[in-house]
C-alpha atoms as a PDB file:
ATOM      1  CA  MET A   1      49.029 -21.581  44.680  1.00  0.00           C
ATOM      2  CA  ARG A   2      45.883 -22.636  46.510  1.00  0.00           C
ATOM      3  CA  TRP A   3      43.540 -25.084  44.915  1.00  0.00           C
ATOM      4  CA  ARG A   4      39.921 -24.234  45.437  1.00  0.00           C
ATOM      5  CA  ARG A   5      37.248 -26.777  44.983  1.00  0.00           C
ATOM      6  CA  ARG A   6      34.617 -25.445  42.637  1.00  0.00           C
ATOM      7  CA  VAL A   7      31.112 -26.070  43.953  1.00  0.00           C
ATOM      8  CA  LYS A   8      28.682 -27.091  41.260  1.00  0.00           C
ATOM      9  CA  PRO A   9      25.413 -25.136  41.413  1.00  0.00           C
ATOM     10  CA  ALA A  10      23.398 -28.377  41.294  1.00  0.00           C
ATOM     11  CA  SER A  11      24.906 -29.331  44.659  1.00  0.00           C
ATOM     12  CA  GLN A  12      23.376 -26.164  46.100  1.00  0.00           C
ATOM     13  CA  ILE A  13      19.829 -27.285  45.244  1.00  0.00           C
ATOM     14  CA  ILE A  14      18.362 -29.119  48.231  1.00  0.00           C
ATOM     15  CA  GLU A  15      15.139 -31.091  48.318  1.00  0.00           C
ATOM     16  CA  CYS A  16      13.001 -29.869  51.206  1.00  0.00           C
ATOM     17  CA  GLY A  17       9.452 -29.714  52.500  1.00  0.00           C
ATOM     18  CA  ILE A  18       6.937 -27.049  51.579  1.00  0.00           C
ATOM     19  CA  LEU A  19       7.238 -24.213  54.073  1.00  0.00           C
ATOM     20  CA  SER A  20       4.334 -23.520  56.406  1.00  0.00           C
ATOM     21  CA  ASP A  21       4.444 -19.811  55.527  1.00  0.00           C
ATOM     22  CA  SER A  22       3.606 -20.591  51.884  1.00  0.00           C
ATOM     23  CA  MET A  23       0.251 -19.359  50.577  1.00  0.00           C
ATOM     24  CA  LEU A  24      -0.419 -22.902  49.332  1.00  0.00           C
ATOM     25  CA  SER A  25      -3.230 -24.229  51.496  1.00  0.00           C
ATOM     26  CA  ARG A  26      -2.414 -27.052  53.889  1.00  0.00           C
ATOM     27  CA  GLN A  27      -5.418 -28.968  52.578  1.00  0.00           C
ATOM     28  CA  THR A  28      -4.180 -28.717  48.979  1.00  0.00           C
ATOM     29  CA  ILE A  29      -0.714 -29.860  50.036  1.00  0.00           C
ATOM     30  CA  ASP A  30      -2.023 -32.770  52.126  1.00  0.00           C
ATOM     31  CA  HIS A  31      -4.379 -34.007  49.387  1.00  0.00           C
ATOM     32  CA  ALA A  32      -1.941 -33.663  46.500  1.00  0.00           C
ATOM     33  CA  TYR A  33      -1.199 -36.741  44.456  1.00  0.00           C
ATOM     34  CA  PHE A  34       2.301 -35.383  43.828  1.00  0.00           C
ATOM     35  CA  ARG A  35       4.374 -32.700  45.517  1.00  0.00           C
ATOM     36  CA  ASP A  36       8.005 -31.716  45.614  1.00  0.00           C
ATOM     37  CA  SER A  37      10.015 -28.769  46.805  1.00  0.00           C
ATOM     38  CA  TYR A  38      13.585 -27.540  46.286  1.00  0.00           C
ATOM     39  CA  ARG A  39      15.546 -24.817  48.081  1.00  0.00           C
ATOM     40  CA  MET A  40      18.575 -22.788  47.073  1.00  0.00           C
ATOM     41  CA  ALA A  41      20.301 -19.789  48.613  1.00  0.00           C
ATOM     42  CA  ILE A  42      20.234 -16.725  46.386  1.00  0.00           C
ATOM     43  CA  ASN A  43      22.831 -14.003  46.036  1.00  0.00           C
ATOM     44  CA  LEU A  44      20.672 -11.261  44.533  1.00  0.00           C
ATOM     45  CA  ARG A  45      18.564 -10.372  47.571  1.00  0.00           C
ATOM     46  CA  GLU A  46      17.111  -7.307  45.845  1.00  0.00           C
ATOM     47  CA  LEU A  47      15.249  -9.338  43.193  1.00  0.00           C
ATOM     48  CA  ASP A  48      11.485  -9.124  43.500  1.00  0.00           C
ATOM     49  CA  ILE A  49       9.428 -12.305  43.332  1.00  0.00           C
ATOM     50  CA  ALA A  50       8.660 -11.914  39.602  1.00  0.00           C
ATOM     51  CA  GLY A  51      12.378 -11.377  38.952  1.00  0.00           C
ATOM     52  CA  ILE A  52      13.181 -14.585  40.831  1.00  0.00           C
ATOM     53  CA  PHE A  53      10.469 -16.449  38.913  1.00  0.00           C
ATOM     54  CA  PHE A  54      11.868 -15.341  35.556  1.00  0.00           C
ATOM     55  CA  ALA A  55      15.498 -15.879  36.600  1.00  0.00           C
ATOM     56  CA  ILE A  56      14.579 -19.551  36.943  1.00  0.00           C
ATOM     57  CA  PHE A  57      11.761 -20.199  34.453  1.00  0.00           C
ATOM     58  CA  ALA A  58      12.514 -17.860  31.526  1.00  0.00           C
ATOM     59  CA  HIS A  59      15.742 -19.599  30.524  1.00  0.00           C
ATOM     60  CA  HIS A  60      14.920 -23.094  29.288  1.00  0.00           C
ATOM     61  CA  PRO A  61      17.604 -25.065  27.468  1.00  0.00           C
ATOM     62  CA  MET A  62      16.558 -25.937  23.913  1.00  0.00           C
ATOM     63  CA  TRP A  63      16.019 -29.610  24.779  1.00  0.00           C
ATOM     64  CA  MET A  64      13.533 -28.555  27.465  1.00  0.00           C
ATOM     65  CA  ASN A  65      11.646 -26.249  25.085  1.00  0.00           C
ATOM     66  CA  PHE A  66      11.479 -29.118  22.600  1.00  0.00           C
ATOM     67  CA  LEU A  67      10.037 -31.503  25.237  1.00  0.00           C
ATOM     68  CA  LEU A  68       7.514 -28.895  26.412  1.00  0.00           C
ATOM     69  CA  ILE A  69       6.295 -28.265  22.878  1.00  0.00           C
ATOM     70  CA  ILE A  70       5.937 -31.999  22.155  1.00  0.00           C
ATOM     71  CA  ARG A  71       4.166 -32.602  25.486  1.00  0.00           C
ATOM     72  CA  ASN A  72       1.769 -29.739  24.759  1.00  0.00           C
ATOM     73  CA  GLU A  73       1.038 -31.026  21.249  1.00  0.00           C
ATOM     74  CA  VAL A  74       0.250 -34.509  22.582  1.00  0.00           C
ATOM     75  CA  ALA A  75      -1.881 -33.088  25.421  1.00  0.00           C
ATOM     76  CA  SER A  76      -3.825 -30.882  22.997  1.00  0.00           C
ATOM     77  CA  LEU A  77      -4.783 -34.029  21.044  1.00  0.00           C
ATOM     78  CA  ALA A  78      -6.502 -35.183  24.242  1.00  0.00           C
ATOM     79  CA  ASP A  79      -8.411 -31.851  24.282  1.00  0.00           C
ATOM     80  CA  LEU A  80      -6.466 -30.518  27.275  1.00  0.00           C
ATOM     81  CA  ASP A  81      -5.721 -26.849  27.862  1.00  0.00           C
ATOM     82  CA  THR A  82      -2.075 -26.337  26.906  1.00  0.00           C
ATOM     83  CA  SER A  83       0.316 -23.618  25.827  1.00  0.00           C
ATOM     84  CA  THR A  84       1.175 -23.143  22.183  1.00  0.00           C
ATOM     85  CA  ALA A  85       4.745 -23.259  20.897  1.00  0.00           C
ATOM     86  CA  ALA A  86       4.521 -19.499  20.383  1.00  0.00           C
ATOM     87  CA  GLU A  87       3.737 -19.052  24.108  1.00  0.00           C
ATOM     88  CA  VAL A  88       6.557 -21.346  25.263  1.00  0.00           C
ATOM     89  CA  LEU A  89       9.415 -19.827  23.288  1.00  0.00           C
ATOM     90  CA  PRO A  90       9.250 -16.014  23.615  1.00  0.00           C
ATOM     91  CA  VAL A  91       8.726 -15.335  27.316  1.00  0.00           C
ATOM     92  CA  GLU A  92       7.103 -11.948  27.851  1.00  0.00           C
ATOM     93  CA  ILE A  93       8.351 -10.161  30.965  1.00  0.00           C
ATOM     94  CA  ARG A  94       6.318  -7.235  32.291  1.00  0.00           C
ATOM     95  CA  GLN A  95       6.997  -4.799  35.136  1.00  0.00           C
ATOM     96  CA  HIS A  96       3.894  -5.609  37.163  1.00  0.00           C
ATOM     97  CA  TYR A  97       1.734  -8.697  37.741  1.00  0.00           C
ATOM     98  CA  THR A  98      -1.537  -9.342  39.561  1.00  0.00           C
ATOM     99  CA  ALA A  99      -3.492 -12.477  40.436  1.00  0.00           C
ATOM    100  CA  GLY A 100      -5.551 -13.717  37.504  1.00  0.00           C
ATOM    101  CA  GLU A 101      -2.991 -12.614  34.895  1.00  0.00           C
ATOM    102  CA  LYS A 102      -0.528 -14.906  33.189  1.00  0.00           C
ATOM    103  CA  ILE A 103       3.112 -15.092  34.107  1.00  0.00           C
ATOM    104  CA  GLY A 104       4.894 -16.981  31.370  1.00  0.00           C
ATOM    105  CA  VAL A 105       2.423 -19.668  30.292  1.00  0.00           C
ATOM    106  CA  TRP A 106       0.654 -20.047  33.659  1.00  0.00           C
ATOM    107  CA  THR A 107      -2.130 -18.203  35.430  1.00  0.00           C
ATOM    108  CA  ILE A 108      -1.228 -16.455  38.693  1.00  0.00           C
ATOM    109  CA  PHE A 109      -3.444 -17.794  41.490  1.00  0.00           C
ATOM    110  CA  ALA A 110      -1.841 -15.867  44.367  1.00  0.00           C
ATOM    111  CA  LEU A 111       0.796 -13.175  44.603  1.00  0.00           C
ATOM    112  CA  SER A 112       2.529 -11.447  47.487  1.00  0.00           C
ATOM    113  CA  GLU A 113       5.802  -9.617  47.949  1.00  0.00           C
ATOM    114  CA  ASN A 114       7.562 -12.917  48.705  1.00  0.00           C
ATOM    115  CA  GLU A 115       5.598 -15.580  46.849  1.00  0.00           C
ATOM    116  CA  ILE A 116       3.957 -16.268  43.538  1.00  0.00           C
ATOM    117  CA  ILE A 117       1.673 -19.226  42.975  1.00  0.00           C
ATOM    118  CA  ALA A 118       0.960 -19.996  39.344  1.00  0.00           C
ATOM    119  CA  GLY A 119      -0.441 -22.992  37.574  1.00  0.00           C
ATOM    120  CA  ARG A 120      -3.182 -24.443  35.478  1.00  0.00           C
ATOM    121  CA  ASP A 121      -6.425 -26.338  36.045  1.00  0.00           C
ATOM    122  CA  ASN A 122      -7.342 -29.055  33.603  1.00  0.00           C
ATOM    123  CA  LYS A 123      -9.939 -31.799  33.491  1.00  0.00           C
ATOM    124  CA  HIS A 124      -7.402 -34.473  34.421  1.00  0.00           C
ATOM    125  CA  MET A 125      -5.163 -32.572  36.842  1.00  0.00           C
ATOM    126  CA  ASP A 126      -4.607 -29.231  38.570  1.00  0.00           C
ATOM    127  CA  PHE A 127      -1.111 -28.076  39.347  1.00  0.00           C
ATOM    128  CA  ARG A 128       0.381 -25.232  41.310  1.00  0.00           C
ATOM    129  CA  LEU A 129       3.924 -23.927  41.215  1.00  0.00           C
ATOM    130  CA  SER A 130       5.031 -21.841  44.182  1.00  0.00           C
ATOM    131  CA  VAL A 131       8.140 -19.670  44.090  1.00  0.00           C
ATOM    132  CA  LEU A 132       8.771 -18.418  47.624  1.00  0.00           C
ATOM    133  CA  LYS A 133      11.488 -16.007  48.761  1.00  0.00           C
ATOM    134  CA  SER A 134      12.325 -16.804  52.385  1.00  0.00           C
ATOM    135  CA  PRO A 135      14.800 -15.543  55.013  1.00  0.00           C
ATOM    136  CA  ASP A 136      17.343 -18.254  55.768  1.00  0.00           C
ATOM    137  CA  GLY A 137      19.485 -17.033  58.669  1.00  0.00           C
ATOM    138  CA  ASP A 138      21.579 -14.150  57.351  1.00  0.00           C
ATOM    139  CA  LYS A 139      20.861 -15.220  53.758  1.00  0.00           C
ATOM    140  CA  VAL A 140      17.802 -15.453  51.545  1.00  0.00           C
ATOM    141  CA  SER A 141      16.592 -18.659  49.938  1.00  0.00           C
ATOM    142  CA  VAL A 142      14.132 -19.399  47.201  1.00  0.00           C
ATOM    143  CA  ILE A 143      11.917 -22.449  47.513  1.00  0.00           C
ATOM    144  CA  VAL A 144      10.285 -23.830  44.367  1.00  0.00           C
ATOM    145  CA  SER A 145       7.390 -26.175  45.152  1.00  0.00           C
ATOM    146  CA  THR A 146       5.092 -28.073  42.819  1.00  0.00           C
ATOM    147  CA  ILE A 147       1.747 -29.588  43.773  1.00  0.00           C
ATOM    148  CA  CYS A 148      -0.417 -31.728  41.489  1.00  0.00           C
ATOM    149  CA  THR A 149      -3.936 -32.891  42.266  1.00  0.00           C
ATOM    150  CA  THR A 150      -5.254 -35.516  39.888  1.00  0.00           C
ATOM    151  CA  HIS A 151      -8.924 -35.867  38.958  1.00  0.00           C
ATOM    152  CA  ASN A 152      -8.816 -39.162  37.108  1.00  0.00           C
ATOM    153  CA  ARG A 153      -6.609 -41.960  35.817  1.00  0.00           C
ATOM    154  CA  CYS A 154      -5.361 -39.809  32.916  1.00  0.00           C
ATOM    155  CA  GLY A 155      -3.817 -37.357  35.395  1.00  0.00           C
ATOM    156  CA  LYS A 156      -2.047 -40.186  37.216  1.00  0.00           C
ATOM    157  CA  ILE A 157      -0.757 -41.638  33.951  1.00  0.00           C
ATOM    158  CA  GLN A 158       0.502 -38.233  32.827  1.00  0.00           C
ATOM    159  CA  LEU A 159       2.345 -37.745  36.123  1.00  0.00           C
ATOM    160  CA  PHE A 160       3.906 -41.201  35.825  1.00  0.00           C
ATOM    161  CA  PHE A 161       5.700 -40.022  32.687  1.00  0.00           C
ATOM    162  CA  ILE A 162       6.283 -36.383  33.652  1.00  0.00           C
ATOM    163  CA  VAL A 163       7.534 -36.611  37.259  1.00  0.00           C
ATOM    164  CA  PRO A 164      11.055 -37.915  36.496  1.00  0.00           C
ATOM    165  CA  VAL A 165      11.589 -35.228  33.838  1.00  0.00           C
ATOM    166  CA  HIS A 166       9.990 -32.603  36.098  1.00  0.00           C
ATOM    167  CA  ARG A 167      12.274 -33.376  39.066  1.00  0.00           C
ATOM    168  CA  TYR A 168      15.384 -33.192  36.902  1.00  0.00           C
ATOM    169  CA  GLY A 169      14.131 -30.155  34.979  1.00  0.00           C
ATOM    170  CA  VAL A 170      13.275 -27.976  37.993  1.00  0.00           C
ATOM    171  CA  GLN A 171      16.624 -28.685  39.640  1.00  0.00           C
ATOM    172  CA  LYS A 172      18.407 -28.015  36.347  1.00  0.00           C
ATOM    173  CA  LEU A 173      16.628 -24.667  35.862  1.00  0.00           C
ATOM    174  CA  MET A 174      17.475 -23.627  39.429  1.00  0.00           C
ATOM    175  CA  ALA A 175      21.121 -24.690  39.041  1.00  0.00           C
ATOM    176  CA  ASN A 176      21.368 -22.867  35.704  1.00  0.00           C
ATOM    177  CA  ALA A 177      20.040 -19.673  37.316  1.00  0.00           C
ATOM    178  CA  LEU A 178      22.754 -19.901  39.985  1.00  0.00           C
ATOM    179  CA  ALA A 179      25.515 -20.732  37.509  1.00  0.00           C
ATOM    180  CA  ALA A 180      24.525 -17.812  35.268  1.00  0.00           C
ATOM    181  CA  GLY A 181      24.397 -15.382  38.199  1.00  0.00           C
ATOM    182  CA  ARG A 182      20.676 -14.686  37.777  1.00  0.00           C
ATOM    183  CA  GLN A 183      20.030 -15.549  41.424  1.00  0.00           C
END
């Protein structure tokens, strides 16, 4: 009997830089108050970019949904544009998307065959989420990058509290997609 070491999906999520072939502008990246990027190899090469997006972001654990709803309720008290609980919980998946439409709770700012950039602009902070499908030798990887540009002290304070949860949450969502075979 051979013992095989089981590789945990989280160990397959690697922090990386934002790729130069991303549609995110270099200026936006360079002037961001916060940015991060994570890469993972994917098994389902035939998935389109919207399929990859939903494989990762349409399957939140309940604790994450709970935190998102609470965060949105608190942010709405500060008169910020947020998603409602009804928008967070039932994720609508359509066959076709174009720039300007919503994907999940975010507006699509740019869309190509291999990348989707979604996000939200607010008075305290703008953020962009890039999901990029990229050749990686004989494999295909997906790179999830987040960029936040703050406009005032409120944006910086919000990021102070959100960044640790964000870093853990993005990696967890990516690892869950791998473990469940959605990638």
